[in-house]
């Protein structure tokens, strides 16, 4: 379970910075930078650049993803932006528009 949860009715407009896991159920606009993992659940909307060790997207992200370990786009997810990660998984049914950079 994530240490920090942005609830489904919450809208954050600004910057989220921290060390703990983050679970997004609502809307985030701006920038997300956490040391551990970020999960964007189905129905959530992120309009921000996202930096974390591991990023999992089941909802919608408009912005660049930068993961030091891996990025995982699940079926039904929608990402518009560039992905920078050494390991990337894009499931069947995921929508992605952008570039992929897997250089360390």
C-alpha atoms as a PDB file:
ATOM      1  CA  UNK A   1       0.000   0.000   0.000  1.00  0.00           C
ATOM      2  CA  UNK A   2       1.265   3.471  -0.873  1.00  0.00           C
ATOM      3  CA  UNK A   3       2.395   5.793   1.889  1.00  0.00           C
ATOM      4  CA  UNK A   4       0.676   8.816   0.310  1.00  0.00           C
ATOM      5  CA  UNK A   5      -2.689   8.750  -1.469  1.00  0.00           C
ATOM      6  CA  UNK A   6      -4.234  11.545  -3.541  1.00  0.00           C
ATOM      7  CA  UNK A   7      -7.948  10.706  -3.267  1.00  0.00           C
ATOM      8  CA  UNK A   8     -10.333  10.536  -6.220  1.00  0.00           C
ATOM      9  CA  UNK A   9     -12.011  13.857  -5.387  1.00  0.00           C
ATOM     10  CA  UNK A  10      -8.706  15.712  -4.748  1.00  0.00           C
ATOM     11  CA  UNK A  11      -7.103  18.120  -7.243  1.00  0.00           C
ATOM     12  CA  UNK A  12      -3.482  19.111  -6.629  1.00  0.00           C
ATOM     13  CA  UNK A  13      -2.127  22.036  -8.642  1.00  0.00           C
ATOM     14  CA  UNK A  14       1.578  22.427  -7.924  1.00  0.00           C
ATOM     15  CA  UNK A  15       4.560  20.311  -6.993  1.00  0.00           C
ATOM     16  CA  UNK A  16       4.687  17.032  -5.061  1.00  0.00           C
ATOM     17  CA  UNK A  17       8.151  16.105  -3.783  1.00  0.00           C
ATOM     18  CA  UNK A  18       9.023  13.332  -1.337  1.00  0.00           C
ATOM     19  CA  UNK A  19      10.614   9.990  -0.566  1.00  0.00           C
ATOM     20  CA  UNK A  20       7.561   7.746  -0.090  1.00  0.00           C
ATOM     21  CA  UNK A  21       5.361   5.826  -2.516  1.00  0.00           C
ATOM     22  CA  UNK A  22       2.549   7.869  -4.095  1.00  0.00           C
ATOM     23  CA  UNK A  23      -0.842   6.590  -5.257  1.00  0.00           C
ATOM     24  CA  UNK A  24      -2.834   8.993  -7.435  1.00  0.00           C
ATOM     25  CA  UNK A  25      -6.592   8.425  -7.611  1.00  0.00           C
ATOM     26  CA  UNK A  26      -7.515  12.058  -8.350  1.00  0.00           C
ATOM     27  CA  UNK A  27      -5.957  14.845 -10.429  1.00  0.00           C
ATOM     28  CA  UNK A  28      -2.431  16.270 -10.242  1.00  0.00           C
ATOM     29  CA  UNK A  29      -1.222  19.229 -12.309  1.00  0.00           C
ATOM     30  CA  UNK A  30       2.378  20.429 -12.121  1.00  0.00           C
ATOM     31  CA  UNK A  31       5.266  18.141 -11.152  1.00  0.00           C
ATOM     32  CA  UNK A  32       5.683  14.899  -9.216  1.00  0.00           C
ATOM     33  CA  UNK A  33       9.107  13.861  -7.931  1.00  0.00           C
ATOM     34  CA  UNK A  34       9.360  11.010  -5.426  1.00  0.00           C
ATOM     35  CA  UNK A  35      12.188   8.613  -4.597  1.00  0.00           C
ATOM     36  CA  UNK A  36      10.122   5.420  -4.521  1.00  0.00           C
ATOM     37  CA  UNK A  37       7.161   4.609  -6.770  1.00  0.00           C
ATOM     38  CA  UNK A  38       4.247   6.452  -8.357  1.00  0.00           C
ATOM     39  CA  UNK A  39       1.032   4.669  -9.348  1.00  0.00           C
ATOM     40  CA  UNK A  40      -1.578   6.512 -11.422  1.00  0.00           C
ATOM     41  CA  UNK A  41      -4.768   4.481 -10.969  1.00  0.00           C
ATOM     42  CA  UNK A  42      -7.500   3.999 -13.558  1.00  0.00           C
ATOM     43  CA  UNK A  43      -9.681   7.117 -13.639  1.00  0.00           C
ATOM     44  CA  UNK A  44      -6.888   9.371 -12.345  1.00  0.00           C
ATOM     45  CA  UNK A  45      -5.540  12.246 -14.452  1.00  0.00           C
ATOM     46  CA  UNK A  46      -2.016  13.596 -14.214  1.00  0.00           C
ATOM     47  CA  UNK A  47      -0.932  16.677 -16.160  1.00  0.00           C
ATOM     48  CA  UNK A  48       2.623  16.772 -14.876  1.00  0.00           C
ATOM     49  CA  UNK A  49       6.135  15.530 -15.355  1.00  0.00           C
ATOM     50  CA  UNK A  50       6.656  12.456 -13.179  1.00  0.00           C
ATOM     51  CA  UNK A  51       9.987  11.336 -11.693  1.00  0.00           C
ATOM     52  CA  UNK A  52      10.334   8.221  -9.532  1.00  0.00           C
ATOM     53  CA  UNK A  53      12.129   4.913  -9.231  1.00  0.00           C
ATOM     54  CA  UNK A  54       9.137   3.021 -10.645  1.00  0.00           C
ATOM     55  CA  UNK A  55       6.127   4.496 -12.450  1.00  0.00           C
ATOM     56  CA  UNK A  56       2.931   2.537 -13.131  1.00  0.00           C
ATOM     57  CA  UNK A  57       0.171   4.120 -15.209  1.00  0.00           C
ATOM     58  CA  UNK A  58      -3.356   2.757 -15.374  1.00  0.00           C
ATOM     59  CA  UNK A  59      -5.052   6.152 -15.849  1.00  0.00           C
ATOM     60  CA  UNK A  60      -4.072   9.191 -17.930  1.00  0.00           C
ATOM     61  CA  UNK A  61      -0.766  11.089 -17.931  1.00  0.00           C
ATOM     62  CA  UNK A  62       0.068  14.136 -20.020  1.00  0.00           C
ATOM     63  CA  UNK A  63       3.732  14.860 -19.354  1.00  0.00           C
ATOM     64  CA  UNK A  64       7.121  13.204 -19.389  1.00  0.00           C
ATOM     65  CA  UNK A  65       7.867  10.088 -17.333  1.00  0.00           C
ATOM     66  CA  UNK A  66      11.389   9.644 -15.916  1.00  0.00           C
ATOM     67  CA  UNK A  67      11.935   6.397 -13.994  1.00  0.00           C
ATOM     68  CA  UNK A  68      15.291   5.277 -12.634  1.00  0.00           C
ATOM     69  CA  UNK A  69      14.134   1.613 -12.566  1.00  0.00           C
ATOM     70  CA  UNK A  70      11.056   0.988 -14.744  1.00  0.00           C
ATOM     71  CA  UNK A  71       7.934   2.435 -16.361  1.00  0.00           C
ATOM     72  CA  UNK A  72       4.833   0.284 -16.772  1.00  0.00           C
ATOM     73  CA  UNK A  73       1.885   1.361 -18.946  1.00  0.00           C
ATOM     74  CA  UNK A  74      -1.031  -0.941 -18.209  1.00  0.00           C
ATOM     75  CA  UNK A  75      -3.960  -1.811 -20.491  1.00  0.00           C
ATOM     76  CA  UNK A  76      -6.367   1.123 -20.693  1.00  0.00           C
ATOM     77  CA  UNK A  77      -3.741   3.718 -19.778  1.00  0.00           C
ATOM     78  CA  UNK A  78      -3.101   6.829 -21.863  1.00  0.00           C
ATOM     79  CA  UNK A  79       0.271   8.611 -21.902  1.00  0.00           C
ATOM     80  CA  UNK A  80       1.192  11.659 -23.977  1.00  0.00           C
ATOM     81  CA  UNK A  81       4.828  12.541 -23.349  1.00  0.00           C
ATOM     82  CA  UNK A  82       8.317  11.136 -23.455  1.00  0.00           C
ATOM     83  CA  UNK A  83       9.427   8.131 -21.396  1.00  0.00           C
ATOM     84  CA  UNK A  84      12.964   7.879 -19.989  1.00  0.00           C
ATOM     85  CA  UNK A  85      13.585   4.551 -18.202  1.00  0.00           C
ATOM     86  CA  UNK A  86      15.979   1.594 -18.450  1.00  0.00           C
ATOM     87  CA  UNK A  87      13.015  -0.840 -18.466  1.00  0.00           C
ATOM     88  CA  UNK A  88       9.677  -0.097 -20.135  1.00  0.00           C
ATOM     89  CA  UNK A  89       6.559  -2.227 -20.460  1.00  0.00           C
ATOM     90  CA  UNK A  90       3.650  -1.095 -22.644  1.00  0.00           C
ATOM     91  CA  UNK A  91       0.700  -3.492 -22.379  1.00  0.00           C
ATOM     92  CA  UNK A  92      -1.759  -4.287 -25.159  1.00  0.00           C
ATOM     93  CA  UNK A  93      -4.555  -1.737 -24.950  1.00  0.00           C
ATOM     94  CA  UNK A  94      -2.332   1.072 -23.635  1.00  0.00           C
ATOM     95  CA  UNK A  95      -2.221   4.324 -25.610  1.00  0.00           C
ATOM     96  CA  UNK A  96       1.144   6.094 -25.915  1.00  0.00           C
ATOM     97  CA  UNK A  97       2.299   9.088 -27.939  1.00  0.00           C
ATOM     98  CA  UNK A  98       5.847  10.311 -27.464  1.00  0.00           C
ATOM     99  CA  UNK A  99       9.408   9.048 -27.561  1.00  0.00           C
ATOM    100  CA  UNK A 100      11.178   6.346 -25.576  1.00  0.00           C
ATOM    101  CA  UNK A 101      14.726   6.717 -24.232  1.00  0.00           C
ATOM    102  CA  UNK A 102      16.195   3.646 -22.517  1.00  0.00           C
ATOM    103  CA  UNK A 103      19.772   4.954 -22.168  1.00  0.00           C
ATOM    104  CA  UNK A 104      21.138   4.880 -18.643  1.00  0.00           C
END
